[in-house]
C-alpha atoms as a PDB file:
ATOM      1  CA  MET A   1       0.004   0.016  -0.001  1.00  0.00           C
ATOM      2  CA  HIS A   2       2.821   2.485   0.864  1.00  0.00           C
ATOM      3  CA  THR A   3       4.251   2.221  -2.863  1.00  0.00           C
ATOM      4  CA  PHE A   4       0.785   2.746  -4.257  1.00  0.00           C
ATOM      5  CA  ILE A   5       0.214   5.896  -2.272  1.00  0.00           C
ATOM      6  CA  CYS A   6       3.733   7.320  -2.970  1.00  0.00           C
ATOM      7  CA  PHE A   7       3.015   6.583  -6.767  1.00  0.00           C
ATOM      8  CA  ILE A   8      -0.257   8.794  -6.714  1.00  0.00           C
ATOM      9  CA  ALA A   9       1.137  11.589  -4.786  1.00  0.00           C
ATOM     10  CA  MET A  10       4.271  11.910  -6.862  1.00  0.00           C
ATOM     11  CA  SER A  11       2.687  11.494 -10.170  1.00  0.00           C
ATOM     12  CA  CYS A  12       0.640  14.682  -9.567  1.00  0.00           C
ATOM     13  CA  TYR A  13       3.323  16.863  -7.960  1.00  0.00           C
ATOM     14  CA  PRO A  14       3.921  19.842 -10.215  1.00  0.00           C
ATOM     15  CA  ALA A  15       7.338  20.475 -11.828  1.00  0.00           C
ATOM     16  CA  CYS A  16       8.450  24.114 -12.462  1.00  0.00           C
ATOM     17  CA  GLY A  17       7.924  23.971 -16.234  1.00  0.00           C
ATOM     18  CA  ARG A  18       4.678  26.006 -17.046  1.00  0.00           C
ATOM     19  CA  GLY A  19       3.317  28.045 -19.877  1.00  0.00           C
ATOM     20  CA  LYS A  20       0.181  29.429 -21.588  1.00  0.00           C
ATOM     21  CA  GLY A  21      -2.239  27.941 -19.198  1.00  0.00           C
ATOM     22  CA  LYS A  22      -0.595  24.578 -18.864  1.00  0.00           C
ATOM     23  CA  ASN A  23       1.341  22.942 -16.073  1.00  0.00           C
ATOM     24  CA  MET A  24       3.707  20.020 -16.410  1.00  0.00           C
ATOM     25  CA  ASP A  25       3.336  17.311 -13.630  1.00  0.00           C
ATOM     26  CA  ARG A  26       6.194  15.044 -12.772  1.00  0.00           C
ATOM     27  CA  VAL A  27       5.481  12.503 -15.261  1.00  0.00           C
ATOM     28  CA  GLY A  28       5.553  15.114 -18.153  1.00  0.00           C
ATOM     29  CA  MET A  29       1.778  15.309 -18.652  1.00  0.00           C
ATOM     30  CA  GLU A  30       0.294  18.754 -19.276  1.00  0.00           C
ATOM     31  CA  THR A  31      -2.574  19.804 -17.026  1.00  0.00           C
ATOM     32  CA  GLU A  32      -4.723  23.008 -17.287  1.00  0.00           C
ATOM     33  CA  ILE A  33      -3.809  25.605 -14.639  1.00  0.00           C
ATOM     34  CA  LYS A  34      -6.826  26.153 -12.322  1.00  0.00           C
ATOM     35  CA  TYR A  35      -5.607  28.788  -9.961  1.00  0.00           C
ATOM     36  CA  GLU A  36      -2.947  31.483  -9.719  1.00  0.00           C
ATOM     37  CA  LEU A  37      -1.087  33.146  -6.817  1.00  0.00           C
ATOM     38  CA  THR A  38      -2.332  36.792  -6.067  1.00  0.00           C
ATOM     39  CA  GLU A  39      -0.160  39.470  -4.905  1.00  0.00           C
ATOM     40  CA  GLU A  40      -1.912  39.358  -1.478  1.00  0.00           C
ATOM     41  CA  THR A  41       0.515  37.874   0.865  1.00  0.00           C
ATOM     42  CA  THR A  42       0.870  37.218   4.627  1.00  0.00           C
ATOM     43  CA  ASN A  43       3.827  35.420   6.309  1.00  0.00           C
ATOM     44  CA  GLY A  44       5.300  34.266   3.151  1.00  0.00           C
ATOM     45  CA  LEU A  45       1.813  32.766   1.766  1.00  0.00           C
ATOM     46  CA  HIS A  46       0.009  33.860  -1.313  1.00  0.00           C
ATOM     47  CA  ARG A  47      -3.808  33.917  -1.503  1.00  0.00           C
ATOM     48  CA  ILE A  48      -4.996  31.839  -4.517  1.00  0.00           C
ATOM     49  CA  ARG A  49      -7.531  32.842  -7.142  1.00  0.00           C
ATOM     50  CA  ALA A  50      -9.504  30.292  -9.386  1.00  0.00           C
ATOM     51  CA  LEU A  51      -8.963  30.738 -13.153  1.00  0.00           C
ATOM     52  CA  LYS A  52     -11.735  28.317 -14.075  1.00  0.00           C
ATOM     53  CA  ASP A  53     -14.844  26.720 -12.716  1.00  0.00           C
ATOM     54  CA  PHE A  54     -14.588  23.289 -10.989  1.00  0.00           C
ATOM     55  CA  ALA A  55     -16.553  21.661  -8.264  1.00  0.00           C
ATOM     56  CA  ASN A  56     -18.136  24.470  -6.304  1.00  0.00           C
ATOM     57  CA  VAL A  57     -15.511  26.910  -7.204  1.00  0.00           C
ATOM     58  CA  LYS A  58     -16.236  29.649  -9.727  1.00  0.00           C
ATOM     59  CA  ALA A  59     -13.454  31.344 -11.886  1.00  0.00           C
ATOM     60  CA  GLY A  60     -12.306  34.523 -10.155  1.00  0.00           C
ATOM     61  CA  GLU A  61     -13.044  33.237  -6.615  1.00  0.00           C
ATOM     62  CA  LEU A  62     -10.271  33.981  -3.957  1.00  0.00           C
ATOM     63  CA  GLY A  63      -9.294  31.012  -1.990  1.00  0.00           C
ATOM     64  CA  GLY A  64      -7.058  30.407   0.781  1.00  0.00           C
ATOM     65  CA  TRP A  65      -3.255  30.753   1.176  1.00  0.00           C
ATOM     66  CA  ILE A  66      -0.454  28.553  -0.116  1.00  0.00           C
ATOM     67  CA  GLU A  67       3.232  29.113  -0.207  1.00  0.00           C
ATOM     68  CA  SER A  68       3.799  27.939  -3.711  1.00  0.00           C
ATOM     69  CA  GLU A  69       2.347  26.012  -6.577  1.00  0.00           C
ATOM     70  CA  ARG A  70       4.148  22.976  -5.048  1.00  0.00           C
ATOM     71  CA  ASN A  71       1.607  22.805  -2.293  1.00  0.00           C
ATOM     72  CA  LEU A  72      -1.710  22.384  -4.269  1.00  0.00           C
ATOM     73  CA  SER A  73      -2.279  20.317  -7.451  1.00  0.00           C
ATOM     74  CA  HIS A  74      -3.832  21.908 -10.646  1.00  0.00           C
ATOM     75  CA  GLU A  75      -5.535  18.482 -11.108  1.00  0.00           C
ATOM     76  CA  GLY A  76      -8.709  17.232  -9.711  1.00  0.00           C
ATOM     77  CA  ASN A  77     -10.924  19.423  -7.486  1.00  0.00           C
ATOM     78  CA  CYS A  78      -8.769  20.050  -4.713  1.00  0.00           C
ATOM     79  CA  TRP A  79      -9.053  23.497  -3.050  1.00  0.00           C
ATOM     80  CA  VAL A  80      -7.934  25.659  -0.419  1.00  0.00           C
ATOM     81  CA  SER A  81     -10.515  28.331   0.877  1.00  0.00           C
ATOM     82  CA  GLU A  82     -11.348  30.834   3.576  1.00  0.00           C
ATOM     83  CA  ASP A  83      -8.310  31.310   6.085  1.00  0.00           C
ATOM     84  CA  ALA A  84      -6.899  27.877   5.528  1.00  0.00           C
ATOM     85  CA  ARG A  85      -3.218  27.573   4.795  1.00  0.00           C
ATOM     86  CA  VAL A  86      -0.915  25.063   3.099  1.00  0.00           C
ATOM     87  CA  SER A  87       2.896  25.435   3.285  1.00  0.00           C
ATOM     88  CA  GLY A  88       6.302  23.963   3.444  1.00  0.00           C
ATOM     89  CA  ASN A  89       6.607  20.789   1.545  1.00  0.00           C
ATOM     90  CA  ALA A  90       3.032  20.035   2.182  1.00  0.00           C
ATOM     91  CA  TRP A  91       1.017  18.462  -0.934  1.00  0.00           C
ATOM     92  CA  VAL A  92      -2.663  18.719  -1.391  1.00  0.00           C
ATOM     93  CA  SER A  93      -4.238  16.741  -4.311  1.00  0.00           C
ATOM     94  CA  GLY A  94      -7.236  14.855  -5.748  1.00  0.00           C
ATOM     95  CA  ASN A  95     -10.596  16.194  -4.333  1.00  0.00           C
ATOM     96  CA  VAL A  96      -9.362  17.351  -1.196  1.00  0.00           C
ATOM     97  CA  TRP A  97     -10.967  20.536   0.446  1.00  0.00           C
ATOM     98  CA  VAL A  98      -8.915  22.496   3.023  1.00  0.00           C
ATOM     99  CA  TYR A  99     -10.962  25.274   4.566  1.00  0.00           C
ATOM    100  CA  GLY A 100     -11.934  27.280   7.635  1.00  0.00           C
ATOM    101  CA  ASN A 101      -8.959  28.053   9.682  1.00  0.00           C
ATOM    102  CA  ALA A 102      -7.333  24.654   9.031  1.00  0.00           C
ATOM    103  CA  TRP A 103      -3.463  24.311   8.282  1.00  0.00           C
ATOM    104  CA  VAL A 104      -1.592  21.579   6.288  1.00  0.00           C
ATOM    105  CA  TYR A 105       2.315  22.063   6.475  1.00  0.00           C
ATOM    106  CA  GLY A 106       5.586  20.473   6.851  1.00  0.00           C
ATOM    107  CA  ASN A 107       6.038  17.326   4.761  1.00  0.00           C
ATOM    108  CA  ALA A 108       2.250  16.305   5.158  1.00  0.00           C
ATOM    109  CA  TRP A 109       0.446  14.692   2.042  1.00  0.00           C
ATOM    110  CA  VAL A 110      -3.285  15.006   1.809  1.00  0.00           C
ATOM    111  CA  SER A 111      -5.078  13.207  -1.037  1.00  0.00           C
ATOM    112  CA  GLY A 112      -8.276  11.487  -2.140  1.00  0.00           C
ATOM    113  CA  ASN A 113     -11.719  13.017  -1.004  1.00  0.00           C
ATOM    114  CA  VAL A 114     -10.389  14.357   2.500  1.00  0.00           C
ATOM    115  CA  TRP A 115     -11.695  17.290   4.248  1.00  0.00           C
ATOM    116  CA  VAL A 116      -9.470  19.040   6.544  1.00  0.00           C
ATOM    117  CA  TYR A 117     -11.421  22.055   8.234  1.00  0.00           C
ATOM    118  CA  GLU A 118     -12.218  24.140  11.309  1.00  0.00           C
ATOM    119  CA  ASP A 119      -8.962  24.479  13.316  1.00  0.00           C
ATOM    120  CA  ALA A 120      -7.576  21.127  12.461  1.00  0.00           C
ATOM    121  CA  ARG A 121      -3.749  20.791  11.750  1.00  0.00           C
ATOM    122  CA  VAL A 122      -2.094  18.205   9.448  1.00  0.00           C
ATOM    123  CA  TYR A 123       1.743  18.281   9.680  1.00  0.00           C
ATOM    124  CA  GLY A 124       5.068  16.514  10.096  1.00  0.00           C
ATOM    125  CA  ASN A 125       5.225  13.456   7.823  1.00  0.00           C
ATOM    126  CA  ALA A 126       1.570  12.709   8.130  1.00  0.00           C
ATOM    127  CA  TRP A 127      -0.390  11.331   5.351  1.00  0.00           C
ATOM    128  CA  VAL A 128      -4.341  11.593   5.192  1.00  0.00           C
ATOM    129  CA  TYR A 129      -6.184   9.913   2.390  1.00  0.00           C
ATOM    130  CA  GLY A 130      -9.125   8.160   1.296  1.00  0.00           C
ATOM    131  CA  ASN A 131     -12.427   9.658   2.572  1.00  0.00           C
ATOM    132  CA  ALA A 132     -11.159  10.896   5.869  1.00  0.00           C
ATOM    133  CA  ARG A 133     -12.215  14.039   7.668  1.00  0.00           C
ATOM    134  CA  VAL A 134      -9.984  15.965   9.908  1.00  0.00           C
ATOM    135  CA  SER A 135     -11.771  18.726  12.030  1.00  0.00           C
ATOM    136  CA  GLY A 136     -12.141  20.627  15.152  1.00  0.00           C
ATOM    137  CA  ASN A 137      -9.011  20.941  17.075  1.00  0.00           C
ATOM    138  CA  ALA A 138      -7.700  17.585  15.764  1.00  0.00           C
ATOM    139  CA  ARG A 139      -3.856  17.375  15.218  1.00  0.00           C
ATOM    140  CA  VAL A 140      -2.572  14.665  12.634  1.00  0.00           C
ATOM    141  CA  SER A 141       1.309  14.659  13.004  1.00  0.00           C
ATOM    142  CA  GLY A 142       4.407  12.786  13.164  1.00  0.00           C
ATOM    143  CA  ASN A 143       4.554   9.769  10.931  1.00  0.00           C
ATOM    144  CA  ALA A 144       0.648   9.223  11.241  1.00  0.00           C
ATOM    145  CA  TRP A 145      -1.449   7.789   8.446  1.00  0.00           C
ATOM    146  CA  VAL A 146      -5.154   8.400   8.487  1.00  0.00           C
ATOM    147  CA  TYR A 147      -7.341   6.975   5.791  1.00  0.00           C
ATOM    148  CA  GLY A 148     -10.562   5.271   5.232  1.00  0.00           C
ATOM    149  CA  LYS A 149     -14.297   6.125   5.118  1.00  0.00           C
ATOM    150  CA  ILE A 150     -16.344   8.403   6.977  1.00  0.00           C
END
């Protein structure tokens, strides 16, 4: 199972090559850019703005805060909204929603259909995937793996 999860996460991780509304992922496939970093910053993080409609997000809608494009995939319906933050080497992909005042940081990986919300934190080397929900004042850290159905 570890190898499978690692493959999924690494196959979506964005490379630096980018142009004309396209983003090259690690396996060299082009993906359409769905958000941009705005000039609005706080503590080294940029607010994001949607460039196209997807899921419940409309083009032009402001999202939450990320350090760089290495934190949020352009594939799938993943999104960071409200005052949520993703930073460091953290990676959010798939259909993940990070919202409220939630933080994902460090080397954390969040993928699948996960929701991280309210004041929850996912950090360290933690992996959250599948259909898991992390909410309230929950802390998922260290080398923890959280997965499964709601």
